[in-house]
Amino acid sequence: MKKKVDLHNRFRLAREERGSALVEFAVTVPLVLSLLFGVLQGIFAMYAYHYTAYAAQQGARFAMVRGYTWSSNVASPCSTSAPPNFTMKYACTANSNDIQYYVQSLGAINPSNLTINTSSSYVWPGQNPDGTTTGCTTQSNSKGCLVRVTANYTFNFVPYLPFTGLTMSATSEKVVAQ
């Protein structure tokens, strides 16, 4: 008879719901927090991509207004310094490093993860918008020639873990105005 009572008590305890809210909470909270973390990281990734496109546009604009004939009095390079001490002369012509430093000084999430293709033949391809090289053979950054800036940003989904990086890239082309 004693075995029957013990068995009956065990089934009764299994049917009771006291403490079940704590178990449900313990199971649900990590799932909700993981979902929240994932959504926030997705938002940060979209912001990083938007910023990468903005940086490419601003780098192309910087190069477009500082072409070969930007300063008719002084045709010297800008000789900018790297961020965070970015400085620039007013009357100067931009080179690839100046564009890199300017883009990094815009205030990215992590400026060291933001780079551009600094190959001069890539940035100034020596072509007009129609693909010809008329007027762009002697100085590839002359007025009317193309300037192309490709910005790359490495976004880390999990901070402090370098192997989770996602490289985002954006390209902007403009015609040198001066």
C-alpha atoms as a PDB file:
ATOM      1  CA  MET A   1       0.000   0.000   0.000  1.00  0.00           C
ATOM      2  CA  LYS A   2       2.879   2.323   0.706  1.00  0.00           C
ATOM      3  CA  LYS A   3       4.122   1.988  -2.891  1.00  0.00           C
ATOM      4  CA  LYS A   4       0.730   3.027  -4.183  1.00  0.00           C
ATOM      5  CA  VAL A   5       0.752   6.239  -2.108  1.00  0.00           C
ATOM      6  CA  ASP A   6       4.283   7.179  -3.203  1.00  0.00           C
ATOM      7  CA  LEU A   7       3.363   6.653  -6.839  1.00  0.00           C
ATOM      8  CA  HIS A   8       0.215   8.706  -6.395  1.00  0.00           C
ATOM      9  CA  ASN A   9       2.222  11.605  -4.806  1.00  0.00           C
ATOM     10  CA  ARG A  10       4.713  11.604  -7.653  1.00  0.00           C
ATOM     11  CA  PHE A  11       2.014  11.927 -10.308  1.00  0.00           C
ATOM     12  CA  ARG A  12       0.342  14.674  -8.289  1.00  0.00           C
ATOM     13  CA  LEU A  13       3.589  16.662  -8.127  1.00  0.00           C
ATOM     14  CA  ALA A  14       4.082  16.248 -11.881  1.00  0.00           C
ATOM     15  CA  ARG A  15       0.628  17.701 -12.549  1.00  0.00           C
ATOM     16  CA  GLU A  16       1.054  20.774 -10.343  1.00  0.00           C
ATOM     17  CA  GLU A  17       1.989  24.018 -12.062  1.00  0.00           C
ATOM     18  CA  ARG A  18       3.731  25.774  -9.209  1.00  0.00           C
ATOM     19  CA  GLY A  19       7.096  27.132 -10.436  1.00  0.00           C
ATOM     20  CA  SER A  20       6.265  26.688 -14.116  1.00  0.00           C
ATOM     21  CA  ALA A  21       6.335  30.441 -14.707  1.00  0.00           C
ATOM     22  CA  LEU A  22       9.968  30.537 -13.623  1.00  0.00           C
ATOM     23  CA  VAL A  23      10.871  27.763 -16.064  1.00  0.00           C
ATOM     24  CA  GLU A  24       8.998  29.476 -18.904  1.00  0.00           C
ATOM     25  CA  PHE A  25      10.759  32.757 -18.077  1.00  0.00           C
ATOM     26  CA  ALA A  26      14.169  31.040 -18.041  1.00  0.00           C
ATOM     27  CA  VAL A  27      13.506  29.512 -21.469  1.00  0.00           C
ATOM     28  CA  THR A  28      11.929  32.593 -23.083  1.00  0.00           C
ATOM     29  CA  VAL A  29      14.281  35.394 -21.954  1.00  0.00           C
ATOM     30  CA  PRO A  30      17.410  34.111 -23.749  1.00  0.00           C
ATOM     31  CA  LEU A  31      15.413  33.666 -26.947  1.00  0.00           C
ATOM     32  CA  VAL A  32      13.961  37.183 -26.754  1.00  0.00           C
ATOM     33  CA  LEU A  33      17.343  38.714 -25.914  1.00  0.00           C
ATOM     34  CA  SER A  34      18.993  36.849 -28.813  1.00  0.00           C
ATOM     35  CA  LEU A  35      16.295  38.108 -31.164  1.00  0.00           C
ATOM     36  CA  LEU A  36      16.720  41.670 -29.857  1.00  0.00           C
ATOM     37  CA  PHE A  37      20.500  41.467 -30.233  1.00  0.00           C
ATOM     38  CA  GLY A  38      20.123  40.154 -33.786  1.00  0.00           C
ATOM     39  CA  VAL A  39      17.726  42.946 -34.772  1.00  0.00           C
ATOM     40  CA  LEU A  40      20.044  45.605 -33.301  1.00  0.00           C
ATOM     41  CA  GLN A  41      23.062  44.148 -35.124  1.00  0.00           C
ATOM     42  CA  GLY A  42      21.032  44.149 -38.356  1.00  0.00           C
ATOM     43  CA  ILE A  43      20.238  47.830 -37.804  1.00  0.00           C
ATOM     44  CA  PHE A  44      23.911  48.591 -37.159  1.00  0.00           C
ATOM     45  CA  ALA A  45      24.861  46.685 -40.328  1.00  0.00           C
ATOM     46  CA  MET A  46      22.374  48.726 -42.395  1.00  0.00           C
ATOM     47  CA  TYR A  47      23.789  51.934 -40.893  1.00  0.00           C
ATOM     48  CA  ALA A  48      27.335  50.803 -41.705  1.00  0.00           C
ATOM     49  CA  TYR A  49      26.355  50.116 -45.326  1.00  0.00           C
ATOM     50  CA  HIS A  50      24.624  53.502 -45.583  1.00  0.00           C
ATOM     51  CA  TYR A  51      27.698  55.169 -44.124  1.00  0.00           C
ATOM     52  CA  THR A  52      29.975  53.325 -46.572  1.00  0.00           C
ATOM     53  CA  ALA A  53      27.934  54.652 -49.509  1.00  0.00           C
ATOM     54  CA  TYR A  54      27.995  58.157 -47.991  1.00  0.00           C
ATOM     55  CA  ALA A  55      31.787  57.960 -47.535  1.00  0.00           C
ATOM     56  CA  ALA A  56      32.266  56.937 -51.187  1.00  0.00           C
ATOM     57  CA  GLN A  57      30.096  59.848 -52.346  1.00  0.00           C
ATOM     58  CA  GLN A  58      31.910  62.337 -50.131  1.00  0.00           C
ATOM     59  CA  GLY A  59      35.322  61.025 -51.196  1.00  0.00           C
ATOM     60  CA  ALA A  60      34.369  61.414 -54.860  1.00  0.00           C
ATOM     61  CA  ARG A  61      33.052  64.919 -54.197  1.00  0.00           C
ATOM     62  CA  PHE A  62      36.286  65.817 -52.367  1.00  0.00           C
ATOM     63  CA  ALA A  63      38.360  64.634 -55.351  1.00  0.00           C
ATOM     64  CA  MET A  64      36.002  66.165 -57.914  1.00  0.00           C
ATOM     65  CA  VAL A  65      36.397  69.716 -56.608  1.00  0.00           C
ATOM     66  CA  ARG A  66      40.146  69.387 -56.063  1.00  0.00           C
ATOM     67  CA  GLY A  67      41.198  68.379 -59.571  1.00  0.00           C
ATOM     68  CA  TYR A  68      44.309  69.424 -61.471  1.00  0.00           C
ATOM     69  CA  THR A  69      43.062  72.991 -62.103  1.00  0.00           C
ATOM     70  CA  TRP A  70      41.513  73.542 -58.646  1.00  0.00           C
ATOM     71  CA  SER A  71      44.106  76.119 -57.732  1.00  0.00           C
ATOM     72  CA  SER A  72      45.448  78.055 -60.693  1.00  0.00           C
ATOM     73  CA  ASN A  73      48.082  79.732 -58.511  1.00  0.00           C
ATOM     74  CA  VAL A  74      49.440  76.749 -56.631  1.00  0.00           C
ATOM     75  CA  ALA A  75      49.256  73.216 -58.015  1.00  0.00           C
ATOM     76  CA  SER A  76      50.535  71.485 -54.902  1.00  0.00           C
ATOM     77  CA  PRO A  77      49.188  68.337 -53.289  1.00  0.00           C
ATOM     78  CA  CYS A  78      47.010  68.722 -50.203  1.00  0.00           C
ATOM     79  CA  SER A  79      49.406  66.721 -47.995  1.00  0.00           C
ATOM     80  CA  THR A  80      46.746  65.972 -45.453  1.00  0.00           C
ATOM     81  CA  SER A  81      47.457  64.233 -42.182  1.00  0.00           C
ATOM     82  CA  ALA A  82      45.776  61.077 -41.000  1.00  0.00           C
ATOM     83  CA  PRO A  83      42.767  61.240 -38.657  1.00  0.00           C
ATOM     84  CA  PRO A  84      42.167  62.198 -35.908  1.00  0.00           C
ATOM     85  CA  ASN A  85      44.507  65.108 -36.727  1.00  0.00           C
ATOM     86  CA  PHE A  86      43.100  65.691 -40.211  1.00  0.00           C
ATOM     87  CA  THR A  87      44.283  69.003 -41.621  1.00  0.00           C
ATOM     88  CA  MET A  88      44.216  70.286 -45.169  1.00  0.00           C
ATOM     89  CA  LYS A  89      45.381  73.305 -47.127  1.00  0.00           C
ATOM     90  CA  TYR A  90      42.700  75.180 -49.036  1.00  0.00           C
ATOM     91  CA  ALA A  91      44.370  75.620 -52.430  1.00  0.00           C
ATOM     92  CA  CYS A  92      45.630  72.140 -53.231  1.00  0.00           C
ATOM     93  CA  THR A  93      44.999  69.224 -55.558  1.00  0.00           C
ATOM     94  CA  ALA A  94      43.816  65.952 -54.052  1.00  0.00           C
ATOM     95  CA  ASN A  95      45.722  62.712 -54.364  1.00  0.00           C
ATOM     96  CA  SER A  96      44.635  59.214 -53.346  1.00  0.00           C
ATOM     97  CA  ASN A  97      45.983  59.450 -49.783  1.00  0.00           C
ATOM     98  CA  ASP A  98      44.216  62.790 -49.259  1.00  0.00           C
ATOM     99  CA  ILE A  99      40.926  61.166 -50.264  1.00  0.00           C
ATOM    100  CA  GLN A 100      41.604  58.244 -47.886  1.00  0.00           C
ATOM    101  CA  TYR A 101      42.316  60.585 -44.959  1.00  0.00           C
ATOM    102  CA  TYR A 102      39.317  62.782 -45.759  1.00  0.00           C
ATOM    103  CA  VAL A 103      36.960  59.790 -45.880  1.00  0.00           C
ATOM    104  CA  GLN A 104      38.324  58.456 -42.585  1.00  0.00           C
ATOM    105  CA  SER A 105      37.900  61.871 -40.942  1.00  0.00           C
ATOM    106  CA  LEU A 106      34.151  61.923 -41.663  1.00  0.00           C
ATOM    107  CA  GLY A 107      33.487  60.136 -38.381  1.00  0.00           C
ATOM    108  CA  ALA A 108      32.766  56.488 -39.167  1.00  0.00           C
ATOM    109  CA  ILE A 109      31.844  53.962 -36.532  1.00  0.00           C
ATOM    110  CA  ASN A 110      35.420  52.703 -36.667  1.00  0.00           C
ATOM    111  CA  PRO A 111      37.584  54.775 -39.055  1.00  0.00           C
ATOM    112  CA  SER A 112      40.333  52.144 -39.153  1.00  0.00           C
ATOM    113  CA  ASN A 113      37.852  49.711 -40.796  1.00  0.00           C
ATOM    114  CA  LEU A 114      37.014  52.240 -43.549  1.00  0.00           C
ATOM    115  CA  THR A 115      39.369  52.226 -46.527  1.00  0.00           C
ATOM    116  CA  ILE A 116      39.317  53.258 -50.160  1.00  0.00           C
ATOM    117  CA  ASN A 117      41.077  51.877 -53.205  1.00  0.00           C
ATOM    118  CA  THR A 118      44.078  54.222 -53.308  1.00  0.00           C
ATOM    119  CA  SER A 119      45.519  53.078 -56.622  1.00  0.00           C
ATOM    120  CA  SER A 120      45.840  56.282 -58.668  1.00  0.00           C
ATOM    121  CA  SER A 121      44.985  54.494 -61.908  1.00  0.00           C
ATOM    122  CA  TYR A 122      41.756  53.290 -60.275  1.00  0.00           C
ATOM    123  CA  VAL A 123      40.766  56.607 -58.659  1.00  0.00           C
ATOM    124  CA  TRP A 124      41.560  58.621 -61.777  1.00  0.00           C
ATOM    125  CA  PRO A 125      41.067  56.200 -64.687  1.00  0.00           C
ATOM    126  CA  GLY A 126      41.980  58.845 -67.285  1.00  0.00           C
ATOM    127  CA  GLN A 127      38.626  58.682 -69.061  1.00  0.00           C
ATOM    128  CA  ASN A 128      35.770  61.004 -69.853  1.00  0.00           C
ATOM    129  CA  PRO A 129      32.232  60.001 -68.890  1.00  0.00           C
ATOM    130  CA  ASP A 130      31.718  58.636 -72.403  1.00  0.00           C
ATOM    131  CA  GLY A 131      34.726  56.303 -72.048  1.00  0.00           C
ATOM    132  CA  THR A 132      37.141  58.210 -74.311  1.00  0.00           C
ATOM    133  CA  THR A 133      40.493  59.543 -73.135  1.00  0.00           C
ATOM    134  CA  THR A 134      40.287  62.940 -74.859  1.00  0.00           C
ATOM    135  CA  GLY A 135      41.763  65.581 -72.562  1.00  0.00           C
ATOM    136  CA  CYS A 136      42.594  63.067 -69.838  1.00  0.00           C
ATOM    137  CA  THR A 137      45.849  61.633 -71.146  1.00  0.00           C
ATOM    138  CA  THR A 138      48.286  64.218 -69.747  1.00  0.00           C
ATOM    139  CA  GLN A 139      46.545  64.782 -66.400  1.00  0.00           C
ATOM    140  CA  SER A 140      44.010  62.140 -65.427  1.00  0.00           C
ATOM    141  CA  ASN A 141      42.520  64.452 -62.787  1.00  0.00           C
ATOM    142  CA  SER A 142      41.854  67.282 -65.246  1.00  0.00           C
ATOM    143  CA  LYS A 143      38.517  69.013 -65.615  1.00  0.00           C
ATOM    144  CA  GLY A 144      35.978  66.760 -67.352  1.00  0.00           C
ATOM    145  CA  CYS A 145      37.701  63.475 -66.421  1.00  0.00           C
ATOM    146  CA  LEU A 146      36.190  60.818 -64.178  1.00  0.00           C
ATOM    147  CA  VAL A 147      37.066  60.246 -60.552  1.00  0.00           C
ATOM    148  CA  ARG A 148      36.077  56.938 -58.973  1.00  0.00           C
ATOM    149  CA  VAL A 149      36.094  56.240 -55.235  1.00  0.00           C
ATOM    150  CA  THR A 150      35.345  52.814 -53.801  1.00  0.00           C
ATOM    151  CA  ALA A 151      34.914  52.717 -50.034  1.00  0.00           C
ATOM    152  CA  ASN A 152      35.185  49.454 -48.114  1.00  0.00           C
ATOM    153  CA  TYR A 153      34.056  48.971 -44.521  1.00  0.00           C
ATOM    154  CA  THR A 154      34.485  45.835 -42.437  1.00  0.00           C
ATOM    155  CA  PHE A 155      31.528  45.367 -40.105  1.00  0.00           C
ATOM    156  CA  ASN A 156      31.853  42.951 -37.187  1.00  0.00           C
ATOM    157  CA  PHE A 157      28.558  41.346 -36.179  1.00  0.00           C
ATOM    158  CA  VAL A 158      29.940  40.291 -32.805  1.00  0.00           C
ATOM    159  CA  PRO A 159      32.178  43.017 -31.392  1.00  0.00           C
ATOM    160  CA  TYR A 160      35.708  42.013 -30.397  1.00  0.00           C
ATOM    161  CA  LEU A 161      35.591  38.880 -32.563  1.00  0.00           C
ATOM    162  CA  PRO A 162      37.518  39.649 -35.754  1.00  0.00           C
ATOM    163  CA  PHE A 163      36.399  36.503 -37.607  1.00  0.00           C
ATOM    164  CA  THR A 164      32.782  37.693 -37.861  1.00  0.00           C
ATOM    165  CA  GLY A 165      33.560  40.518 -40.281  1.00  0.00           C
ATOM    166  CA  LEU A 166      31.382  41.411 -43.239  1.00  0.00           C
ATOM    167  CA  THR A 167      33.010  43.626 -45.884  1.00  0.00           C
ATOM    168  CA  MET A 168      30.705  46.251 -47.348  1.00  0.00           C
ATOM    169  CA  SER A 169      31.650  48.157 -50.471  1.00  0.00           C
ATOM    170  CA  ALA A 170      30.265  51.173 -52.317  1.00  0.00           C
ATOM    171  CA  THR A 171      31.531  52.987 -55.403  1.00  0.00           C
ATOM    172  CA  SER A 172      30.875  56.555 -56.525  1.00  0.00           C
ATOM    173  CA  GLU A 173      31.941  58.142 -59.822  1.00  0.00           C
ATOM    174  CA  LYS A 174      31.893  61.851 -60.535  1.00  0.00           C
ATOM    175  CA  VAL A 175      33.296  64.162 -63.185  1.00  0.00           C
ATOM    176  CA  VAL A 176      36.143  66.471 -62.090  1.00  0.00           C
ATOM    177  CA  ALA A 177      34.698  69.976 -61.992  1.00  0.00           C
ATOM    178  CA  GLN A 178      37.836  72.065 -61.503  1.00  0.00           C
END
